[in-house]
C-alpha atoms as a PDB file:
ATOM      1  CA  ALA A   1       0.000   0.000   0.000  1.00  0.00           C
ATOM      2  CA  LEU A   2       1.309   3.474  -0.909  1.00  0.00           C
ATOM      3  CA  VAL A   3       0.244   6.603   0.975  1.00  0.00           C
ATOM      4  CA  ALA A   4       1.647  10.089   0.260  1.00  0.00           C
ATOM      5  CA  VAL A   5       1.362  12.817   2.924  1.00  0.00           C
ATOM      6  CA  ASP A   6       2.505  16.432   3.207  1.00  0.00           C
ATOM      7  CA  ARG A   7       4.633  17.926   6.009  1.00  0.00           C
ATOM      8  CA  GLU A   8       1.552  18.340   8.210  1.00  0.00           C
ATOM      9  CA  GLY A   9       0.666  14.659   7.895  1.00  0.00           C
ATOM     10  CA  THR A  10      -2.321  15.236   5.598  1.00  0.00           C
ATOM     11  CA  ILE A  11      -2.932  12.458   3.079  1.00  0.00           C
ATOM     12  CA  VAL A  12      -2.626  13.775  -0.494  1.00  0.00           C
ATOM     13  CA  GLN A  13      -2.614  10.537  -2.490  1.00  0.00           C
ATOM     14  CA  VAL A  14      -3.162   6.792  -2.061  1.00  0.00           C
ATOM     15  CA  ASN A  15      -3.105   3.803  -4.376  1.00  0.00           C
ATOM     16  CA  ALA A  16      -5.676   1.042  -4.831  1.00  0.00           C
ATOM     17  CA  GLN A  17      -3.772  -1.310  -2.516  1.00  0.00           C
ATOM     18  CA  ALA A  18      -4.018   1.235   0.316  1.00  0.00           C
ATOM     19  CA  GLN A  19      -7.778   1.368  -0.122  1.00  0.00           C
ATOM     20  CA  GLU A  20      -7.975  -2.419  -0.072  1.00  0.00           C
ATOM     21  CA  LEU A  21      -5.628  -2.843   2.897  1.00  0.00           C
ATOM     22  CA  PHE A  22      -7.304  -0.284   5.159  1.00  0.00           C
ATOM     23  CA  GLY A  23     -10.880  -0.622   3.887  1.00  0.00           C
ATOM     24  CA  TYR A  24     -11.437   3.047   2.970  1.00  0.00           C
ATOM     25  CA  ASP A  25     -12.450   4.653  -0.316  1.00  0.00           C
ATOM     26  CA  ARG A  26      -9.971   7.120  -1.769  1.00  0.00           C
ATOM     27  CA  ASP A  27     -12.216  10.137  -1.078  1.00  0.00           C
ATOM     28  CA  GLU A  28     -12.417   9.128   2.584  1.00  0.00           C
ATOM     29  CA  LEU A  29      -8.626   9.260   2.927  1.00  0.00           C
ATOM     30  CA  ILE A  30      -7.579  12.314   0.875  1.00  0.00           C
ATOM     31  CA  GLY A  31      -7.395  15.394   3.100  1.00  0.00           C
ATOM     32  CA  GLN A  32      -7.410  13.419   6.361  1.00  0.00           C
ATOM     33  CA  LYS A  33      -4.548  13.071   8.830  1.00  0.00           C
ATOM     34  CA  VAL A  34      -2.495   9.927   8.345  1.00  0.00           C
ATOM     35  CA  GLU A  35      -2.985   9.093  12.030  1.00  0.00           C
ATOM     36  CA  MET A  36      -6.432   7.729  11.102  1.00  0.00           C
ATOM     37  CA  LEU A  37      -4.551   4.659   9.794  1.00  0.00           C
ATOM     38  CA  VAL A  38      -2.701   4.223  13.100  1.00  0.00           C
ATOM     39  CA  PRO A  39      -4.165   2.476  16.198  1.00  0.00           C
ATOM     40  CA  GLU A  40      -5.327   4.991  18.800  1.00  0.00           C
ATOM     41  CA  SER A  41      -2.787   3.799  21.369  1.00  0.00           C
ATOM     42  CA  TYR A  42       0.043   4.615  18.923  1.00  0.00           C
ATOM     43  CA  ARG A  43      -1.205   7.958  17.537  1.00  0.00           C
ATOM     44  CA  ARG A  44       0.559  10.300  19.950  1.00  0.00           C
ATOM     45  CA  GLN A  45       3.832   8.445  19.463  1.00  0.00           C
ATOM     46  CA  HIS A  46       3.315   8.405  15.685  1.00  0.00           C
ATOM     47  CA  HIS A  47       2.755  12.182  15.630  1.00  0.00           C
ATOM     48  CA  HIS A  48       6.068  12.660  17.472  1.00  0.00           C
ATOM     49  CA  HIS A  49       7.933  10.371  15.040  1.00  0.00           C
ATOM     50  CA  ARG A  50       6.387  12.201  12.077  1.00  0.00           C
ATOM     51  CA  GLN A  51       7.678  15.542  13.369  1.00  0.00           C
ATOM     52  CA  ASN A  52      11.169  14.096  13.839  1.00  0.00           C
ATOM     53  CA  PHE A  53      11.142  12.738  10.293  1.00  0.00           C
ATOM     54  CA  ALA A  54      10.144  16.153   8.910  1.00  0.00           C
ATOM     55  CA  GLU A  55      13.166  17.702  10.650  1.00  0.00           C
ATOM     56  CA  THR A  56      15.663  15.138   9.281  1.00  0.00           C
ATOM     57  CA  PRO A  57      14.046  13.567   6.193  1.00  0.00           C
ATOM     58  CA  LYS A  58      15.774  10.529   4.717  1.00  0.00           C
ATOM     59  CA  THR A  59      14.699   7.133   3.433  1.00  0.00           C
ATOM     60  CA  ARG A  60      13.936   4.887   6.385  1.00  0.00           C
ATOM     61  CA  HIS A  61      12.797   1.301   6.792  1.00  0.00           C
ATOM     62  CA  MET A  62      10.737   0.623   9.898  1.00  0.00           C
ATOM     63  CA  GLY A  63       9.383  -2.610  11.277  1.00  0.00           C
ATOM     64  CA  ALA A  64      12.219  -5.140  11.195  1.00  0.00           C
ATOM     65  CA  ASP A  65      12.893  -4.669  14.917  1.00  0.00           C
ATOM     66  CA  LEU A  66       9.790  -2.667  15.903  1.00  0.00           C
ATOM     67  CA  ASP A  67       6.204  -3.622  16.639  1.00  0.00           C
ATOM     68  CA  LEU A  68       4.267  -1.387  14.239  1.00  0.00           C
ATOM     69  CA  TYR A  69       0.556  -1.737  13.542  1.00  0.00           C
ATOM     70  CA  GLY A  70      -2.013  -0.338  11.126  1.00  0.00           C
ATOM     71  CA  ARG A  71      -5.720   0.193  11.784  1.00  0.00           C
ATOM     72  CA  ARG A  72      -8.430  -0.740   9.316  1.00  0.00           C
ATOM     73  CA  ARG A  73     -11.717   1.075   8.918  1.00  0.00           C
ATOM     74  CA  ASN A  74     -13.483  -1.661  10.905  1.00  0.00           C
ATOM     75  CA  GLY A  75     -11.118  -1.056  13.834  1.00  0.00           C
ATOM     76  CA  SER A  76      -9.064  -4.231  13.439  1.00  0.00           C
ATOM     77  CA  GLU A  77      -5.293  -3.917  13.797  1.00  0.00           C
ATOM     78  CA  PHE A  78      -2.527  -5.745  11.928  1.00  0.00           C
ATOM     79  CA  PRO A  79       1.312  -5.739  12.038  1.00  0.00           C
ATOM     80  CA  VAL A  80       3.058  -3.689   9.356  1.00  0.00           C
ATOM     81  CA  GLU A  81       6.467  -2.835   7.982  1.00  0.00           C
ATOM     82  CA  ILE A  82       6.858   0.696   6.633  1.00  0.00           C
ATOM     83  CA  SER A  83       9.364   2.315   4.279  1.00  0.00           C
ATOM     84  CA  LEU A  84       9.416   6.136   4.303  1.00  0.00           C
ATOM     85  CA  SER A  85      10.799   8.108   1.359  1.00  0.00           C
ATOM     86  CA  PRO A  86      10.984  11.942   1.299  1.00  0.00           C
ATOM     87  CA  VAL A  87      10.055  13.510  -2.034  1.00  0.00           C
ATOM     88  CA  SER A  88      11.030  17.175  -2.562  1.00  0.00           C
ATOM     89  CA  THR A  89       8.871  19.259  -4.906  1.00  0.00           C
ATOM     90  CA  GLU A  90       8.253  22.928  -5.613  1.00  0.00           C
ATOM     91  CA  LYS A  91       5.289  22.722  -3.227  1.00  0.00           C
ATOM     92  CA  GLY A  92       7.506  21.428  -0.445  1.00  0.00           C
ATOM     93  CA  MET A  93       8.381  18.008   0.889  1.00  0.00           C
ATOM     94  CA  PHE A  94       6.026  15.040   0.705  1.00  0.00           C
ATOM     95  CA  VAL A  95       6.544  11.683   2.362  1.00  0.00           C
ATOM     96  CA  LEU A  96       5.723   8.495   0.480  1.00  0.00           C
ATOM     97  CA  SER A  97       4.940   5.606   2.836  1.00  0.00           C
ATOM     98  CA  ALA A  98       5.100   2.058   1.488  1.00  0.00           C
ATOM     99  CA  ILE A  99       3.107  -0.079   3.930  1.00  0.00           C
ATOM    100  CA  ARG A 100       3.219  -3.872   3.938  1.00  0.00           C
ATOM    101  CA  ASP A 101       0.983  -6.184   5.944  1.00  0.00           C
ATOM    102  CA  ILE A 102       3.407  -8.624   7.612  1.00  0.00           C
ATOM    103  CA  SER A 103       0.827 -10.818   9.342  1.00  0.00           C
ATOM    104  CA  ASP A 104       1.977 -13.813   7.285  1.00  0.00           C
ATOM    105  CA  ARG A 105       5.628 -13.084   8.050  1.00  0.00           C
ATOM    106  CA  LYS A 106       4.862 -12.966  11.779  1.00  0.00           C
ATOM    107  CA  ARG A 107       3.118 -16.302  11.435  1.00  0.00           C
ATOM    108  CA  ILE A 108       6.078 -17.768   9.533  1.00  0.00           C
ATOM    109  CA  ALA A 109       8.530 -16.493  12.162  1.00  0.00           C
ATOM    110  CA  GLU A 110       6.482 -18.128  14.911  1.00  0.00           C
ATOM    111  CA  GLU A 111       6.332 -21.398  12.977  1.00  0.00           C
ATOM    112  CA  LEU A 112      10.104 -21.281  12.484  1.00  0.00           C
ATOM    113  CA  ARG A 113      10.596 -20.715  16.200  1.00  0.00           C
ATOM    114  CA  ARG A 114       8.415 -23.703  17.048  1.00  0.00           C
ATOM    115  CA  ALA A 115      10.119 -25.822  14.414  1.00  0.00           C
ATOM    116  CA  ASN A 116      13.507 -24.937  15.890  1.00  0.00           C
ATOM    117  CA  GLU A 117      12.316 -25.962  19.336  1.00  0.00           C
ATOM    118  CA  GLU A 118      11.107 -29.259  17.930  1.00  0.00           C
ATOM    119  CA  LEU A 119      14.504 -29.827  16.315  1.00  0.00           C
ATOM    120  CA  HIS A 120      16.141 -30.155  19.716  1.00  0.00           C
ATOM    121  CA  ARG A 121      13.608 -32.782  20.745  1.00  0.00           C
ATOM    122  CA  ARG A 122      13.813 -34.907  17.619  1.00  0.00           C
ATOM    123  CA  THR A 123      16.008 -37.882  16.850  1.00  0.00           C
ATOM    124  CA  ALA A 124      18.191 -38.147  13.766  1.00  0.00           C
ATOM    125  CA  GLU A 125      15.526 -40.243  12.019  1.00  0.00           C
ATOM    126  CA  GLN A 126      13.010 -37.452  12.406  1.00  0.00           C
ATOM    127  CA  LEU A 127      15.189 -34.702  10.914  1.00  0.00           C
ATOM    128  CA  GLY A 128      13.908 -35.356   7.385  1.00  0.00           C
ATOM    129  CA  GLU A 129      10.383 -34.462   8.455  1.00  0.00           C
ATOM    130  CA  TYR A 130      11.695 -31.326  10.168  1.00  0.00           C
ATOM    131  CA  ARG A 131      13.547 -30.204   7.049  1.00  0.00           C
ATOM    132  CA  SER A 132      10.448 -30.744   4.923  1.00  0.00           C
ATOM    133  CA  ARG A 133       8.394 -28.586   7.274  1.00  0.00           C
ATOM    134  CA  LEU A 134      11.087 -25.900   7.254  1.00  0.00           C
ATOM    135  CA  ALA A 135      11.060 -25.851   3.439  1.00  0.00           C
ATOM    136  CA  LEU A 136       7.266 -25.448   3.395  1.00  0.00           C
ATOM    137  CA  ILE A 137       7.487 -22.497   5.787  1.00  0.00           C
ATOM    138  CA  ILE A 138      10.135 -20.746   3.671  1.00  0.00           C
ATOM    139  CA  ASP A 139       8.201 -21.408   0.471  1.00  0.00           C
ATOM    140  CA  SER A 140       5.105 -19.723   1.919  1.00  0.00           C
ATOM    141  CA  SER A 141       6.904 -16.357   1.983  1.00  0.00           C
ATOM    142  CA  ASP A 142       6.086 -13.815  -0.753  1.00  0.00           C
ATOM    143  CA  ASP A 143       9.660 -12.478  -0.563  1.00  0.00           C
ATOM    144  CA  ALA A 144      12.516 -14.055  -2.493  1.00  0.00           C
ATOM    145  CA  ILE A 145      14.610 -16.127  -0.068  1.00  0.00           C
ATOM    146  CA  ILE A 146      17.847 -17.329  -1.660  1.00  0.00           C
ATOM    147  CA  GLY A 147      20.640 -19.393  -0.130  1.00  0.00           C
ATOM    148  CA  LYS A 148      24.135 -19.200  -1.562  1.00  0.00           C
ATOM    149  CA  GLY A 149      27.602 -20.446  -0.785  1.00  0.00           C
ATOM    150  CA  PRO A 150      30.565 -18.212   0.150  1.00  0.00           C
ATOM    151  CA  ASP A 151      31.499 -18.170  -3.535  1.00  0.00           C
ATOM    152  CA  GLY A 152      28.072 -16.807  -4.557  1.00  0.00           C
ATOM    153  CA  ILE A 153      26.764 -20.087  -5.999  1.00  0.00           C
ATOM    154  CA  ILE A 154      22.995 -20.425  -5.460  1.00  0.00           C
ATOM    155  CA  THR A 155      22.118 -23.377  -3.199  1.00  0.00           C
ATOM    156  CA  SER A 156      18.409 -22.806  -2.475  1.00  0.00           C
ATOM    157  CA  TRP A 157      15.565 -20.924  -4.156  1.00  0.00           C
ATOM    158  CA  ASN A 158      12.051 -20.504  -2.716  1.00  0.00           C
ATOM    159  CA  LYS A 159       8.739 -19.969  -4.524  1.00  0.00           C
ATOM    160  CA  GLY A 160       8.903 -16.231  -3.768  1.00  0.00           C
ATOM    161  CA  ALA A 161      12.162 -16.035  -5.739  1.00  0.00           C
ATOM    162  CA  GLU A 162      10.592 -18.012  -8.568  1.00  0.00           C
ATOM    163  CA  ARG A 163       7.610 -15.631  -8.660  1.00  0.00           C
ATOM    164  CA  ILE A 164       9.717 -12.450  -8.552  1.00  0.00           C
ATOM    165  CA  TYR A 165      12.564 -13.432 -10.883  1.00  0.00           C
ATOM    166  CA  GLY A 166      10.826 -15.975 -13.141  1.00  0.00           C
ATOM    167  CA  TYR A 167      13.412 -18.753 -12.821  1.00  0.00           C
ATOM    168  CA  THR A 168      12.605 -22.220 -11.495  1.00  0.00           C
ATOM    169  CA  PRO A 169      14.959 -23.740  -8.881  1.00  0.00           C
ATOM    170  CA  GLU A 170      16.281 -26.166 -11.522  1.00  0.00           C
ATOM    171  CA  GLU A 171      17.334 -23.231 -13.710  1.00  0.00           C
ATOM    172  CA  VAL A 172      19.380 -21.373 -11.091  1.00  0.00           C
ATOM    173  CA  ILE A 173      20.646 -23.731  -8.377  1.00  0.00           C
ATOM    174  CA  GLY A 174      24.336 -24.291  -9.049  1.00  0.00           C
ATOM    175  CA  LYS A 175      24.705 -20.983 -10.896  1.00  0.00           C
ATOM    176  CA  HIS A 176      26.265 -17.763  -9.637  1.00  0.00           C
ATOM    177  CA  ILE A 177      24.035 -15.129  -8.019  1.00  0.00           C
ATOM    178  CA  SER A 178      25.432 -12.525 -10.448  1.00  0.00           C
ATOM    179  CA  LEU A 179      22.943 -14.029 -12.921  1.00  0.00           C
ATOM    180  CA  LEU A 180      20.393 -11.633 -11.413  1.00  0.00           C
ATOM    181  CA  VAL A 181      22.583  -8.512 -11.442  1.00  0.00           C
ATOM    182  CA  PRO A 182      22.589  -5.953 -14.315  1.00  0.00           C
ATOM    183  CA  SER A 183      25.816  -5.762 -16.319  1.00  0.00           C
ATOM    184  CA  ASP A 184      26.412  -2.167 -15.172  1.00  0.00           C
ATOM    185  CA  ARG A 185      26.855  -3.314 -11.523  1.00  0.00           C
ATOM    186  CA  PRO A 186      29.847  -5.701 -11.770  1.00  0.00           C
ATOM    187  CA  ASP A 187      31.264  -4.837  -8.338  1.00  0.00           C
ATOM    188  CA  GLU A 188      28.099  -5.230  -6.269  1.00  0.00           C
ATOM    189  CA  ILE A 189      28.161  -8.998  -5.659  1.00  0.00           C
ATOM    190  CA  PRO A 190      31.917  -9.194  -4.832  1.00  0.00           C
ATOM    191  CA  GLU A 191      31.461  -6.409  -2.277  1.00  0.00           C
ATOM    192  CA  ILE A 192      28.501  -8.211  -0.673  1.00  0.00           C
ATOM    193  CA  LEU A 193      30.391 -11.518  -0.543  1.00  0.00           C
ATOM    194  CA  GLN A 194      33.376  -9.807   1.103  1.00  0.00           C
ATOM    195  CA  LYS A 195      31.152  -8.408   3.843  1.00  0.00           C
ATOM    196  CA  ILE A 196      29.455 -11.759   4.385  1.00  0.00           C
ATOM    197  CA  ALA A 197      32.853 -13.496   4.635  1.00  0.00           C
ATOM    198  CA  LYS A 198      33.676 -11.114   7.495  1.00  0.00           C
ATOM    199  CA  GLY A 199      30.435 -12.057   9.243  1.00  0.00           C
ATOM    200  CA  GLU A 200      28.707  -8.763   8.474  1.00  0.00           C
ATOM    201  CA  SER A 201      25.012  -8.433   7.624  1.00  0.00           C
ATOM    202  CA  ILE A 202      23.408  -6.119   5.062  1.00  0.00           C
ATOM    203  CA  GLU A 203      20.021  -4.599   5.902  1.00  0.00           C
ATOM    204  CA  HIS A 204      17.555  -3.132   3.379  1.00  0.00           C
ATOM    205  CA  CYS A 205      20.071  -2.384   0.636  1.00  0.00           C
ATOM    206  CA  GLU A 206      18.219  -0.970  -2.378  1.00  0.00           C
ATOM    207  CA  SER A 207      19.442  -2.230  -5.728  1.00  0.00           C
ATOM    208  CA  VAL A 208      18.307  -3.449  -9.152  1.00  0.00           C
ATOM    209  CA  ARG A 209      17.883  -7.041 -10.322  1.00  0.00           C
ATOM    210  CA  VAL A 210      17.110  -8.587 -13.717  1.00  0.00           C
ATOM    211  CA  THR A 211      14.336 -11.148 -14.263  1.00  0.00           C
ATOM    212  CA  LYS A 212      14.426 -14.129 -16.598  1.00  0.00           C
ATOM    213  CA  ASP A 213      12.532 -12.152 -19.275  1.00  0.00           C
ATOM    214  CA  GLY A 214      14.932  -9.192 -19.022  1.00  0.00           C
ATOM    215  CA  ARG A 215      12.856  -6.821 -16.879  1.00  0.00           C
ATOM    216  CA  HIS A 216      14.693  -4.637 -14.365  1.00  0.00           C
ATOM    217  CA  LEU A 217      13.220  -4.628 -10.840  1.00  0.00           C
ATOM    218  CA  ASP A 218      13.914  -2.283  -7.950  1.00  0.00           C
ATOM    219  CA  VAL A 219      14.498  -4.455  -4.897  1.00  0.00           C
ATOM    220  CA  SER A 220      15.254  -4.089  -1.198  1.00  0.00           C
ATOM    221  CA  ILE A 221      17.753  -6.756  -0.147  1.00  0.00           C
ATOM    222  CA  SER A 222      18.848  -8.006   3.267  1.00  0.00           C
ATOM    223  CA  VAL A 223      21.711 -10.517   3.437  1.00  0.00           C
ATOM    224  CA  SER A 224      22.807 -12.475   6.521  1.00  0.00           C
ATOM    225  CA  PRO A 225      25.759 -14.868   6.938  1.00  0.00           C
ATOM    226  CA  LEU A 226      25.027 -18.561   7.494  1.00  0.00           C
ATOM    227  CA  ARG A 227      27.264 -20.242  10.091  1.00  0.00           C
ATOM    228  CA  ASP A 228      28.044 -23.834  10.974  1.00  0.00           C
ATOM    229  CA  ALA A 229      28.115 -25.286  14.477  1.00  0.00           C
ATOM    230  CA  LYS A 230      31.610 -23.857  15.013  1.00  0.00           C
ATOM    231  CA  GLY A 231      30.466 -20.348  14.072  1.00  0.00           C
ATOM    232  CA  ASP A 232      32.333 -20.258  10.766  1.00  0.00           C
ATOM    233  CA  VAL A 233      30.624 -18.543   7.816  1.00  0.00           C
ATOM    234  CA  ILE A 234      29.620 -21.183   5.264  1.00  0.00           C
ATOM    235  CA  GLY A 235      27.288 -19.112   3.075  1.00  0.00           C
ATOM    236  CA  ALA A 236      24.599 -16.475   3.084  1.00  0.00           C
ATOM    237  CA  SER A 237      20.838 -16.102   3.099  1.00  0.00           C
ATOM    238  CA  ALA A 238      19.387 -13.229   1.057  1.00  0.00           C
ATOM    239  CA  ILE A 239      15.843 -11.907   1.345  1.00  0.00           C
ATOM    240  CA  ALA A 240      14.732  -9.660  -1.526  1.00  0.00           C
ATOM    241  CA  ARG A 241      11.525  -7.646  -1.821  1.00  0.00           C
ATOM    242  CA  ASP A 242      10.229  -6.126  -5.050  1.00  0.00           C
ATOM    243  CA  ILE A 243       9.840  -2.351  -4.472  1.00  0.00           C
ATOM    244  CA  THR A 244       9.387  -1.411  -8.130  1.00  0.00           C
ATOM    245  CA  ALA A 245       5.859  -0.106  -7.493  1.00  0.00           C
ATOM    246  CA  GLN A 246       7.107   2.081  -4.650  1.00  0.00           C
ATOM    247  CA  LYS A 247       9.871   3.594  -6.794  1.00  0.00           C
ATOM    248  CA  LYS A 248       7.431   4.149  -9.656  1.00  0.00           C
ATOM    249  CA  ALA A 249       5.055   5.959  -7.300  1.00  0.00           C
ATOM    250  CA  GLU A 250       7.881   8.225  -6.114  1.00  0.00           C
ATOM    251  CA  GLY A 251       8.655   9.128  -9.724  1.00  0.00           C
ATOM    252  CA  GLN A 252       4.997   9.737 -10.524  1.00  0.00           C
ATOM    253  CA  LEU A 253       4.661  12.024  -7.518  1.00  0.00           C
ATOM    254  CA  HIS A 254       7.682  14.012  -8.709  1.00  0.00           C
ATOM    255  CA  GLN A 255       6.250  14.199 -12.219  1.00  0.00           C
ATOM    256  CA  SER A 256       2.747  15.216 -11.142  1.00  0.00           C
ATOM    257  CA  GLN A 257       4.112  18.059  -9.035  1.00  0.00           C
ATOM    258  CA  LYS A 258       6.348  19.158 -11.927  1.00  0.00           C
ATOM    259  CA  MET A 259       3.438  19.158 -14.381  1.00  0.00           C
ATOM    260  CA  GLU A 260       1.296  21.094 -11.916  1.00  0.00           C
ATOM    261  CA  ALA A 261       4.019  23.749 -11.642  1.00  0.00           C
ATOM    262  CA  ILE A 262       4.315  23.937 -15.454  1.00  0.00           C
ATOM    263  CA  GLY A 263       0.536  24.275 -15.698  1.00  0.00           C
ATOM    264  CA  ARG A 264       0.522  27.200 -13.258  1.00  0.00           C
ATOM    265  CA  LEU A 265       3.360  28.877 -15.192  1.00  0.00           C
ATOM    266  CA  ALA A 266       1.559  28.426 -18.520  1.00  0.00           C
ATOM    267  CA  GLY A 267      -1.654  29.760 -17.009  1.00  0.00           C
ATOM    268  CA  GLY A 268       0.196  32.841 -15.728  1.00  0.00           C
ATOM    269  CA  VAL A 269       1.791  33.516 -19.102  1.00  0.00           C
ATOM    270  CA  ALA A 270      -1.574  33.177 -20.837  1.00  0.00           C
ATOM    271  CA  HIS A 271      -3.142  35.553 -18.351  1.00  0.00           C
ATOM    272  CA  ASP A 272      -0.387  38.160 -18.903  1.00  0.00           C
END
């Protein structure tokens, strides 16, 4: 869901997904304070955070380590992850909020936690069943979850990756992850692999990836090192989210404000 607000927190534009997610019609949202989409118990805190963002605007990702919630028209609440992007125009700064319902991700995380607890209670003969359940949990994610070795060779590929990039697991497992990187970014993967080898993680790195049919996607990528029982890094797990729609909305907001300014200038010239 995409929601654009001005410096005062007034909603100036929403997309169809925002209407569907929160249960409001567009006309019910435009002109209202964005706090109407926030649970009442969080509104005062949200107002304070909004003021702080206006003072130091920069792209921010919120939700990975915070409990954030949205409020639907019917009063129900749901966990969210939010990405804030400032957009400067001649009419001042606007903030574009990309809001994702992470209810399924919360459920998956809880299932993973329970599965991990079960692992310690299972015998060696039961590990196959555990691994199968773990694979089903990972496959239920809408995000692309990709495992790779320290050399960048792809070792696992979930259904989210297949949906986003268009490749089946059989087409990519055993190949280098650079398969997904545009030719004008030759240094990106080596730099990521160097950081992973040192045990460093990468959080919400925005980049571009190429699909099987040649389309370029804007993505937000988080990469974490995978360690063995001794703590040595043996690979990496990458989670990628398609943010192409968010980037397109930012560009459209820029363009609409530019065209509005040109329209006012043309109107003034005609009047003179």
